[in-house]
Amino acid sequence: MSFEDAVELASRDERFMATVYAMNTLLIHKGVYTQKEFEVLFLEWMRKENRRKSAPARAGAAAGR
């Protein structure tokens, strides 16, 4: 299978996930960052997102008191 064939077969989400996988793998193998550094930054982003997503729920609950 060629790269072009793979791009045509993949959904938009699959293309995005494959791109992230390829870029992170390459950056780790090239020594730009380590797996541990990636995991730390991934968790940091997830925590920020969870706080952002739960902030409207907390604000709505506080307003209902």
PDB file of N, CA and C in Angstrom:
ATOM      1  N   MET A   1       0.853  -1.169   0.000  1.00  0.00           N
ATOM      2  CA  MET A   1       0.000   0.000   0.000  1.00  0.00           C
ATOM      3  C   MET A   1       0.901   1.235   0.000  1.00  0.00           C
ATOM      4  N   SER A   2       0.550   2.200  -0.809  1.00  0.00           N
ATOM      5  CA  SER A   2       1.317   3.440  -0.850  1.00  0.00           C
ATOM      6  C   SER A   2       0.768   4.422   0.182  1.00  0.00           C
ATOM      7  N   PHE A   3       1.534   5.466   0.426  1.00  0.00           N
ATOM      8  CA  PHE A   3       1.086   6.517   1.333  1.00  0.00           C
ATOM      9  C   PHE A   3      -0.218   7.125   0.824  1.00  0.00           C
ATOM     10  N   GLU A   4      -0.281   7.402  -0.459  1.00  0.00           N
ATOM     11  CA  GLU A   4      -1.474   7.996  -1.055  1.00  0.00           C
ATOM     12  C   GLU A   4      -2.693   7.094  -0.891  1.00  0.00           C
ATOM     13  N   ASP A   5      -2.490   5.763  -1.076  1.00  0.00           N
ATOM     14  CA  ASP A   5      -3.590   4.806  -0.885  1.00  0.00           C
ATOM     15  C   ASP A   5      -4.075   4.837   0.560  1.00  0.00           C
ATOM     16  N   ALA A   6      -3.141   4.871   1.486  1.00  0.00           N
ATOM     17  CA  ALA A   6      -3.499   4.880   2.905  1.00  0.00           C
ATOM     18  C   ALA A   6      -4.283   6.142   3.257  1.00  0.00           C
ATOM     19  N   VAL A   7      -3.854   7.275   2.719  1.00  0.00           N
ATOM     20  CA  VAL A   7      -4.558   8.535   2.983  1.00  0.00           C
ATOM     21  C   VAL A   7      -5.977   8.474   2.444  1.00  0.00           C
ATOM     22  N   GLU A   8      -6.134   7.899   1.269  1.00  0.00           N
ATOM     23  CA  GLU A   8      -7.468   7.789   0.670  1.00  0.00           C
ATOM     24  C   GLU A   8      -8.384   6.859   1.466  1.00  0.00           C
ATOM     25  N   LEU A   9      -7.832   5.800   2.045  1.00  0.00           N
ATOM     26  CA  LEU A   9      -8.634   4.826   2.786  1.00  0.00           C
ATOM     27  C   LEU A   9      -9.029   5.307   4.178  1.00  0.00           C
ATOM     28  N   ALA A  10      -8.217   6.151   4.761  1.00  0.00           N
ATOM     29  CA  ALA A  10      -8.425   6.567   6.147  1.00  0.00           C
ATOM     30  C   ALA A  10      -9.460   7.681   6.251  1.00  0.00           C
ATOM     31  N   SER A  11     -10.204   7.635   7.351  1.00  0.00           N
ATOM     32  CA  SER A  11     -11.130   8.730   7.643  1.00  0.00           C
ATOM     33  C   SER A  11     -10.326   9.940   8.105  1.00  0.00           C
ATOM     34  N   ARG A  12     -10.979  11.044   8.237  1.00  0.00           N
ATOM     35  CA  ARG A  12     -10.302  12.269   8.703  1.00  0.00           C
ATOM     36  C   ARG A  12      -9.687  12.042  10.083  1.00  0.00           C
ATOM     37  N   ASP A  13     -10.440  11.444  10.994  1.00  0.00           N
ATOM     38  CA  ASP A  13      -9.930  11.167  12.337  1.00  0.00           C
ATOM     39  C   ASP A  13      -8.754  10.200  12.307  1.00  0.00           C
ATOM     40  N   GLU A  14      -8.839   9.174  11.461  1.00  0.00           N
ATOM     41  CA  GLU A  14      -7.738   8.213  11.348  1.00  0.00           C
ATOM     42  C   GLU A  14      -6.480   8.873  10.789  1.00  0.00           C
ATOM     43  N   ARG A  15      -6.639   9.758   9.817  1.00  0.00           N
ATOM     44  CA  ARG A  15      -5.480  10.480   9.270  1.00  0.00           C
ATOM     45  C   ARG A  15      -4.832  11.345  10.344  1.00  0.00           C
ATOM     46  N   PHE A  16      -5.651  12.010  11.138  1.00  0.00           N
ATOM     47  CA  PHE A  16      -5.120  12.836  12.216  1.00  0.00           C
ATOM     48  C   PHE A  16      -4.375  11.981  13.235  1.00  0.00           C
ATOM     49  N   MET A  17      -4.979  10.878  13.661  1.00  0.00           N
ATOM     50  CA  MET A  17      -4.337  10.004  14.649  1.00  0.00           C
ATOM     51  C   MET A  17      -3.036   9.418  14.102  1.00  0.00           C
ATOM     52  N   ALA A  18      -3.038   9.035  12.845  1.00  0.00           N
ATOM     53  CA  ALA A  18      -1.819   8.493  12.238  1.00  0.00           C
ATOM     54  C   ALA A  18      -0.725   9.552  12.153  1.00  0.00           C
ATOM     55  N   THR A  19      -1.108  10.776  11.861  1.00  0.00           N
ATOM     56  CA  THR A  19      -0.135  11.873  11.794  1.00  0.00           C
ATOM     57  C   THR A  19       0.477  12.122  13.159  1.00  0.00           C
ATOM     58  N   VAL A  20      -0.335  12.188  14.193  1.00  0.00           N
ATOM     59  CA  VAL A  20       0.170  12.411  15.551  1.00  0.00           C
ATOM     60  C   VAL A  20       1.092  11.261  15.957  1.00  0.00           C
ATOM     61  N   TYR A  21       0.678  10.036  15.671  1.00  0.00           N
ATOM     62  CA  TYR A  21       1.503   8.872  15.996  1.00  0.00           C
ATOM     63  C   TYR A  21       2.856   8.957  15.302  1.00  0.00           C
ATOM     64  N   ALA A  22       2.843   9.233  14.000  1.00  0.00           N
ATOM     65  CA  ALA A  22       4.087   9.285  13.232  1.00  0.00           C
ATOM     66  C   ALA A  22       4.995  10.413  13.719  1.00  0.00           C
ATOM     67  N   MET A  23       4.426  11.567  13.969  1.00  0.00           N
ATOM     68  CA  MET A  23       5.238  12.700  14.413  1.00  0.00           C
ATOM     69  C   MET A  23       5.849  12.443  15.790  1.00  0.00           C
ATOM     70  N   ASN A  24       5.049  11.939  16.719  1.00  0.00           N
ATOM     71  CA  ASN A  24       5.571  11.672  18.060  1.00  0.00           C
ATOM     72  C   ASN A  24       6.625  10.573  18.035  1.00  0.00           C
ATOM     73  N   THR A  25       6.392   9.526  17.266  1.00  0.00           N
ATOM     74  CA  THR A  25       7.364   8.448  17.163  1.00  0.00           C
ATOM     75  C   THR A  25       8.678   8.961  16.603  1.00  0.00           C
ATOM     76  N   LEU A  26       8.604   9.749  15.547  1.00  0.00           N
ATOM     77  CA  LEU A  26       9.806  10.310  14.944  1.00  0.00           C
ATOM     78  C   LEU A  26      10.552  11.221  15.915  1.00  0.00           C
ATOM     79  N   LEU A  27       9.829  12.088  16.604  1.00  0.00           N
ATOM     80  CA  LEU A  27      10.461  13.012  17.540  1.00  0.00           C
ATOM     81  C   LEU A  27      11.118  12.279  18.709  1.00  0.00           C
ATOM     82  N   ILE A  28      10.498  11.214  19.184  1.00  0.00           N
ATOM     83  CA  ILE A  28      11.090  10.417  20.262  1.00  0.00           C
ATOM     84  C   ILE A  28      12.330   9.695  19.749  1.00  0.00           C
ATOM     85  N   HIS A  29      12.236   9.073  18.584  1.00  0.00           N
ATOM     86  CA  HIS A  29      13.383   8.344  18.026  1.00  0.00           C
ATOM     87  C   HIS A  29      14.551   9.270  17.699  1.00  0.00           C
ATOM     88  N   LYS A  30      14.265  10.510  17.298  1.00  0.00           N
ATOM     89  CA  LYS A  30      15.318  11.485  16.989  1.00  0.00           C
ATOM     90  C   LYS A  30      15.890  12.115  18.256  1.00  0.00           C
ATOM     91  N   GLY A  31      15.293  11.834  19.401  1.00  0.00           N
ATOM     92  CA  GLY A  31      15.787  12.366  20.665  1.00  0.00           C
ATOM     93  C   GLY A  31      15.363  13.795  20.960  1.00  0.00           C
ATOM     94  N   VAL A  32      14.346  14.283  20.258  1.00  0.00           N
ATOM     95  CA  VAL A  32      13.854  15.634  20.505  1.00  0.00           C
ATOM     96  C   VAL A  32      13.217  15.690  21.895  1.00  0.00           C
ATOM     97  N   TYR A  33      12.500  14.652  22.247  1.00  0.00           N
ATOM     98  CA  TYR A  33      11.988  14.504  23.601  1.00  0.00           C
ATOM     99  C   TYR A  33      11.859  13.030  23.914  1.00  0.00           C
ATOM    100  N   THR A  34      11.690  12.732  25.201  1.00  0.00           N
ATOM    101  CA  THR A  34      11.578  11.343  25.631  1.00  0.00           C
ATOM    102  C   THR A  34      10.112  10.945  25.765  1.00  0.00           C
ATOM    103  N   GLN A  35       9.884   9.658  25.862  1.00  0.00           N
ATOM    104  CA  GLN A  35       8.529   9.156  26.092  1.00  0.00           C
ATOM    105  C   GLN A  35       7.966   9.751  27.382  1.00  0.00           C
ATOM    106  N   LYS A  36       8.789   9.835  28.408  1.00  0.00           N
ATOM    107  CA  LYS A  36       8.345  10.382  29.699  1.00  0.00           C
ATOM    108  C   LYS A  36       7.948  11.848  29.553  1.00  0.00           C
ATOM    109  N   GLU A  37       8.746  12.633  28.833  1.00  0.00           N
ATOM    110  CA  GLU A  37       8.414  14.044  28.611  1.00  0.00           C
ATOM    111  C   GLU A  37       7.084  14.165  27.863  1.00  0.00           C
ATOM    112  N   PHE A  38       6.878  13.313  26.873  1.00  0.00           N
ATOM    113  CA  PHE A  38       5.612  13.313  26.145  1.00  0.00           C
ATOM    114  C   PHE A  38       4.457  13.031  27.090  1.00  0.00           C
ATOM    115  N   GLU A  39       4.613  12.018  27.933  1.00  0.00           N
ATOM    116  CA  GLU A  39       3.549  11.641  28.859  1.00  0.00           C
ATOM    117  C   GLU A  39       3.226  12.766  29.833  1.00  0.00           C
ATOM    118  N   VAL A  40       4.239  13.459  30.326  1.00  0.00           N
ATOM    119  CA  VAL A  40       4.025  14.577  31.240  1.00  0.00           C
ATOM    120  C   VAL A  40       3.208  15.675  30.555  1.00  0.00           C
ATOM    121  N   LEU A  41       3.590  16.022  29.326  1.00  0.00           N
ATOM    122  CA  LEU A  41       2.872  17.070  28.605  1.00  0.00           C
ATOM    123  C   LEU A  41       1.462  16.628  28.212  1.00  0.00           C
ATOM    124  N   PHE A  42       1.301  15.364  27.873  1.00  0.00           N
ATOM    125  CA  PHE A  42      -0.015  14.830  27.552  1.00  0.00           C
ATOM    126  C   PHE A  42      -0.929  14.960  28.769  1.00  0.00           C
ATOM    127  N   LEU A  43      -0.439  14.529  29.934  1.00  0.00           N
ATOM    128  CA  LEU A  43      -1.238  14.630  31.159  1.00  0.00           C
ATOM    129  C   LEU A  43      -1.548  16.073  31.512  1.00  0.00           C
ATOM    130  N   GLU A  44      -0.581  16.961  31.308  1.00  0.00           N
ATOM    131  CA  GLU A  44      -0.809  18.387  31.564  1.00  0.00           C
ATOM    132  C   GLU A  44      -1.964  18.898  30.714  1.00  0.00           C
ATOM    133  N   TRP A  45      -1.963  18.563  29.440  1.00  0.00           N
ATOM    134  CA  TRP A  45      -3.018  19.015  28.538  1.00  0.00           C
ATOM    135  C   TRP A  45      -4.373  18.434  28.961  1.00  0.00           C
ATOM    136  N   MET A  46      -4.385  17.146  29.309  1.00  0.00           N
ATOM    137  CA  MET A  46      -5.640  16.505  29.720  1.00  0.00           C
ATOM    138  C   MET A  46      -6.210  17.150  30.983  1.00  0.00           C
ATOM    139  N   ARG A  47      -5.357  17.444  31.939  1.00  0.00           N
ATOM    140  CA  ARG A  47      -5.820  18.100  33.174  1.00  0.00           C
ATOM    141  C   ARG A  47      -6.423  19.470  32.871  1.00  0.00           C
ATOM    142  N   LYS A  48      -5.763  20.236  32.000  1.00  0.00           N
ATOM    143  CA  LYS A  48      -6.287  21.549  31.620  1.00  0.00           C
ATOM    144  C   LYS A  48      -7.641  21.413  30.927  1.00  0.00           C
ATOM    145  N   GLU A  49      -7.747  20.456  30.025  1.00  0.00           N
ATOM    146  CA  GLU A  49      -9.002  20.237  29.315  1.00  0.00           C
ATOM    147  C   GLU A  49     -10.111  19.823  30.273  1.00  0.00           C
ATOM    148  N   ASN A  50      -9.797  18.934  31.201  1.00  0.00           N
ATOM    149  CA  ASN A  50     -10.817  18.494  32.165  1.00  0.00           C
ATOM    150  C   ASN A  50     -11.278  19.648  33.037  1.00  0.00           C
ATOM    151  N   ARG A  51     -10.356  20.512  33.444  1.00  0.00           N
ATOM    152  CA  ARG A  51     -10.748  21.688  34.235  1.00  0.00           C
ATOM    153  C   ARG A  51     -11.626  22.616  33.403  1.00  0.00           C
ATOM    154  N   ARG A  52     -11.239  22.808  32.147  1.00  0.00           N
ATOM    155  CA  ARG A  52     -12.009  23.689  31.266  1.00  0.00           C
ATOM    156  C   ARG A  52     -13.411  23.137  31.040  1.00  0.00           C
ATOM    157  N   LYS A  53     -13.517  21.830  30.816  1.00  0.00           N
ATOM    158  CA  LYS A  53     -14.815  21.211  30.559  1.00  0.00           C
ATOM    159  C   LYS A  53     -15.702  21.212  31.790  1.00  0.00           C
ATOM    160  N   SER A  54     -15.097  21.064  32.957  1.00  0.00           N
ATOM    161  CA  SER A  54     -15.913  20.999  34.173  1.00  0.00           C
ATOM    162  C   SER A  54     -16.218  22.386  34.738  1.00  0.00           C
ATOM    163  N   ALA A  55     -15.526  23.418  34.292  1.00  0.00           N
ATOM    164  CA  ALA A  55     -15.758  24.770  34.806  1.00  0.00           C
ATOM    165  C   ALA A  55     -17.200  25.237  34.561  1.00  0.00           C
ATOM    166  N   PRO A  56     -17.774  25.085  33.364  1.00  0.00           N
ATOM    167  CA  PRO A  56     -19.169  25.498  33.167  1.00  0.00           C
ATOM    168  C   PRO A  56     -20.128  24.703  34.054  1.00  0.00           C
ATOM    169  N   ALA A  57     -19.851  23.431  34.277  1.00  0.00           N
ATOM    170  CA  ALA A  57     -20.718  22.617  35.123  1.00  0.00           C
ATOM    171  C   ALA A  57     -20.668  23.126  36.555  1.00  0.00           C
ATOM    172  N   ARG A  58     -19.469  23.454  37.033  1.00  0.00           N
ATOM    173  CA  ARG A  58     -19.334  23.986  38.391  1.00  0.00           C
ATOM    174  C   ARG A  58     -20.018  25.329  38.501  1.00  0.00           C
ATOM    175  N   ALA A  59     -19.871  26.179  37.502  1.00  0.00           N
ATOM    176  CA  ALA A  59     -20.495  27.508  37.523  1.00  0.00           C
ATOM    177  C   ALA A  59     -22.011  27.390  37.524  1.00  0.00           C
ATOM    178  N   GLY A  60     -22.535  26.445  36.744  1.00  0.00           N
ATOM    179  CA  GLY A  60     -23.971  26.229  36.694  1.00  0.00           C
ATOM    180  C   GLY A  60     -24.504  25.692  38.012  1.00  0.00           C
ATOM    181  N   ALA A  61     -23.761  24.810  38.639  1.00  0.00           N
ATOM    182  CA  ALA A  61     -24.174  24.250  39.926  1.00  0.00           C
ATOM    183  C   ALA A  61     -24.162  25.322  40.989  1.00  0.00           C
ATOM    184  N   ALA A  62     -23.171  26.209  40.978  1.00  0.00           N
ATOM    185  CA  ALA A  62     -23.073  27.279  41.963  1.00  0.00           C
ATOM    186  C   ALA A  62     -24.220  28.275  41.771  1.00  0.00           C
ATOM    187  N   ALA A  63     -24.619  28.519  40.536  1.00  0.00           N
ATOM    188  CA  ALA A  63     -25.699  29.467  40.266  1.00  0.00           C
ATOM    189  C   ALA A  63     -27.040  28.940  40.725  1.00  0.00           C
ATOM    190  N   GLY A  64     -27.179  27.621  40.777  1.00  0.00           N
ATOM    191  CA  GLY A  64     -28.427  27.002  41.172  1.00  0.00           C
ATOM    192  C   GLY A  64     -28.645  26.951  42.670  1.00  0.00           C
ATOM    193  N   ARG A  65     -27.670  27.359  43.438  1.00  0.00           N
ATOM    194  CA  ARG A  65     -27.811  27.301  44.908  1.00  0.00           C
ATOM    195  C   ARG A  65     -28.679  28.379  45.441  1.00  0.00           C
TER     196      ARG A  65
END
